[in-house]
Each structure stands twice: as C-alpha cells, then as structure tokens.
Amino acid sequence: MRHYSISRSKKFIGWDVVLTLLAALVAFVFLNLASFGVFTSTMTVAGAVAALGLGHYLLWGRAFWRGAISERQPVQTQASGRSEISETMPPDEFVLGLNNRERTELLRLLEHSLSQANGNRERNGEYAAIDRELFDKIRMFGA
C-alpha cells in the first residue's frame, strides 16, 4: 500500500501577477526617465480624468439611467401595441430595389395590364388618378 504525502509547503500561485507588476514598474521607470518626468504628469492627469469620470457616473449616470428607463417604458408599450397591429394588418409601404432595366420592364408590364383592364371594364376616376400617380412615381426614378 502506498502512502502519498501532501507537501507542507504551499506554492504561491500569484507569480504571474507579480511578474506582470514588476514588468509594468520597469516600463514605467523607463518611460519616466526617457520623457524627463512628463510620463508621470501624463499618468497623473489620466488618473484624475478617470476619477472625475467615475465620480460623474456615480453621481449623475445612475439618475439619468433611471430616467431613461422610465421614458423608455411608454415607448416600448407603444411599440408592442404596434407589433400586434402590424401582425394583423399589412404594412403601408415597402421598398422595392430595382435597377433601370427592371424598372422599365415593370412600367411596361403595368401599362400593358392597365390597357387590358380598361378594355374589360371602365375604371372610375379614383382608380385612374391612382394609376397616373403610380406611373408618375415610377417614371420619376428614370424609367
């Protein structure tokens, strides 16, 4: 029967942190000497700006966040109501991306179908105005 003994000395597991801090200290000293002390001033100003930003967030950021949440809730309820409506009703507008050849062919097909529809039955003034408006919109884009 073998007995395994656990070592009484504990291994320090933070060597990577110690080495990183040592390398950062060496880099800081080198940069500070190379810049004649300007690096220390720069780091001091950067730390002050970071502290000011953190203080500003802690004082005002949370209050603005709460206000934004209270303003967002009515918009979200309105949007959810709109999504229920949009599920039952088709959209009012849609975007159709066409190149010039496709636009020209669409206009030709519409004019052809309109002439056939007018041959079958007489269209009233409202439909004729809508047809003219549609043709003008399509022609406006270069067809």
Protein backbone atom coordinates (compact mmCIF):
# COMPACT_ATOMS: atom_id res chain seq x y z
CA MET A 1 0.00 0.00 0.00
CA ARG A 2 1.39 3.36 -1.00
CA HIS A 3 1.01 6.49 1.01
CA TYR A 4 1.07 9.77 -0.77
CA SER A 5 2.15 12.69 1.31
CA ILE A 6 0.98 16.18 0.58
CA SER A 7 3.73 18.72 0.58
CA ARG A 8 3.57 21.05 3.53
CA SER A 9 4.96 24.00 1.61
CA LYS A 10 2.27 25.82 -0.35
CA LYS A 11 3.18 27.05 -3.79
CA PHE A 12 2.46 30.72 -4.41
CA ILE A 13 0.07 30.83 -7.38
CA GLY A 14 0.26 34.59 -7.98
CA TRP A 15 3.65 34.60 -9.71
CA ASP A 16 2.11 35.73 -12.98
CA VAL A 17 0.60 38.76 -11.24
CA VAL A 18 3.90 39.58 -9.51
CA LEU A 19 5.84 39.31 -12.77
CA THR A 20 3.30 41.49 -14.59
CA LEU A 21 3.51 44.17 -11.89
CA LEU A 22 7.32 44.02 -11.98
CA ALA A 23 7.35 44.41 -15.77
CA ALA A 24 4.90 47.33 -15.51
CA LEU A 25 7.12 49.01 -12.90
CA VAL A 26 10.20 48.59 -15.09
CA ALA A 27 8.31 50.01 -18.10
CA PHE A 28 7.03 52.93 -16.01
CA VAL A 29 10.51 53.80 -14.74
CA PHE A 30 11.99 53.54 -18.24
CA LEU A 31 9.28 55.74 -19.79
CA ASN A 32 9.55 58.24 -16.97
CA LEU A 33 13.32 58.55 -17.41
CA ALA A 34 13.06 58.72 -21.20
CA SER A 35 10.46 61.52 -21.08
CA PHE A 36 12.17 63.51 -18.28
CA GLY A 37 9.17 63.18 -15.96
CA VAL A 38 6.45 64.07 -18.48
CA PHE A 39 5.13 60.50 -18.36
CA THR A 40 4.40 60.84 -14.63
CA SER A 41 2.48 64.06 -15.27
CA THR A 42 0.56 62.43 -18.11
CA MET A 43 -0.37 59.44 -15.98
CA THR A 44 -1.44 61.75 -13.13
CA VAL A 45 -3.73 63.72 -15.46
CA ALA A 46 -5.15 60.50 -16.96
CA GLY A 47 -5.85 59.16 -13.48
CA ALA A 48 -7.56 62.41 -12.47
CA VAL A 49 -9.74 62.36 -15.60
CA ALA A 50 -10.67 58.72 -14.94
CA ALA A 51 -11.53 59.51 -11.32
CA LEU A 52 -13.63 62.50 -12.41
CA GLY A 53 -15.46 60.36 -14.97
CA LEU A 54 -16.15 57.66 -12.41
CA GLY A 55 -17.41 60.24 -9.91
CA HIS A 56 -19.64 61.80 -12.56
CA TYR A 57 -21.12 58.42 -13.44
CA LEU A 58 -21.71 57.51 -9.80
CA LEU A 59 -23.43 60.85 -9.09
CA TRP A 60 -25.37 61.52 -12.29
CA GLY A 61 -25.19 58.46 -14.54
CA ARG A 62 -27.45 56.29 -12.44
CA ALA A 63 -30.04 59.06 -12.13
CA PHE A 64 -30.04 59.56 -15.91
CA TRP A 65 -30.26 55.79 -16.41
CA ARG A 66 -33.34 55.57 -14.19
CA GLY A 67 -34.92 58.46 -16.08
CA ALA A 68 -34.18 56.81 -19.40
CA ILE A 69 -35.80 53.58 -18.23
CA SER A 70 -38.96 55.42 -17.16
CA GLU A 71 -39.06 57.23 -20.52
CA ARG A 72 -38.42 54.03 -22.44
CA GLN A 73 -41.33 52.08 -20.92
CA PRO A 74 -44.16 54.01 -22.69
CA VAL A 75 -42.30 53.76 -25.99
CA GLN A 76 -41.89 50.00 -25.56
CA THR A 77 -45.57 49.53 -24.75
CA GLN A 78 -46.49 51.61 -27.79
CA ALA A 79 -44.11 49.56 -29.94
CA SER A 80 -45.54 46.31 -28.63
CA GLY A 81 -49.02 47.58 -29.47
CA ARG A 82 -47.78 48.46 -32.94
CA SER A 83 -46.32 44.99 -33.43
CA GLU A 84 -49.72 43.47 -32.62
CA ILE A 85 -51.33 45.73 -35.22
CA SER A 86 -48.64 45.00 -37.79
CA GLU A 87 -49.20 41.27 -37.37
CA THR A 88 -52.84 41.62 -38.35
CA MET A 89 -52.52 44.35 -40.99
CA PRO A 90 -50.15 44.53 -43.98
CA PRO A 91 -47.56 47.32 -44.00
CA ASP A 92 -48.48 50.63 -45.62
CA GLU A 93 -45.24 50.92 -47.59
CA PHE A 94 -42.50 48.64 -48.82
CA VAL A 95 -39.19 49.26 -50.55
CA LEU A 96 -38.53 47.60 -53.87
CA GLY A 97 -34.96 47.89 -55.11
CA LEU A 98 -34.86 47.82 -58.91
CA ASN A 99 -32.24 48.68 -61.49
CA ASN A 100 -33.13 50.70 -64.61
CA ARG A 101 -33.89 47.66 -66.79
CA GLU A 102 -36.17 46.13 -64.15
CA ARG A 103 -37.91 49.47 -63.62
CA THR A 104 -38.52 49.89 -67.37
CA GLU A 105 -39.91 46.35 -67.65
CA LEU A 106 -42.17 46.89 -64.63
CA LEU A 107 -43.54 50.08 -66.17
CA ARG A 108 -44.17 48.29 -69.48
CA LEU A 109 -45.99 45.44 -67.69
CA LEU A 110 -48.12 47.88 -65.70
CA GLU A 111 -49.11 49.82 -68.81
CA HIS A 112 -49.94 46.57 -70.58
CA SER A 113 -52.07 45.27 -67.70
CA LEU A 114 -53.81 48.63 -67.39
CA SER A 115 -54.73 48.65 -71.05
CA GLN A 116 -56.19 45.14 -70.68
CA ALA A 117 -58.12 46.15 -67.55
CA ASN A 118 -59.53 49.22 -69.32
CA GLY A 119 -60.57 47.04 -72.24
CA ASN A 120 -62.54 44.74 -69.90
CA ARG A 121 -64.30 47.38 -67.83
CA GLU A 122 -64.38 51.14 -67.49
CA ARG A 123 -62.40 52.40 -64.49
CA ASN A 124 -63.74 55.19 -62.37
CA GLY A 125 -61.90 58.47 -61.76
CA GLU A 126 -60.38 57.43 -58.44
CA TYR A 127 -58.61 54.39 -59.93
CA ALA A 128 -57.43 56.40 -62.93
CA ALA A 129 -55.89 59.01 -60.60
CA ILE A 130 -54.13 56.29 -58.62
CA ASP A 131 -52.81 54.74 -61.84
CA ARG A 132 -51.48 58.10 -63.04
CA GLU A 133 -49.80 58.72 -59.67
CA LEU A 134 -48.15 55.28 -59.73
CA PHE A 135 -46.86 55.79 -63.26
CA ASP A 136 -45.51 59.23 -62.33
CA LYS A 137 -43.71 57.78 -59.30
CA ILE A 138 -42.10 55.04 -61.37
CA ARG A 139 -41.13 57.42 -64.17
CA MET A 140 -39.68 59.85 -61.63
CA PHE A 141 -36.87 57.35 -60.96
CA GLY A 142 -35.71 57.27 -64.56
CA ALA A 143 -37.82 54.53 -66.11
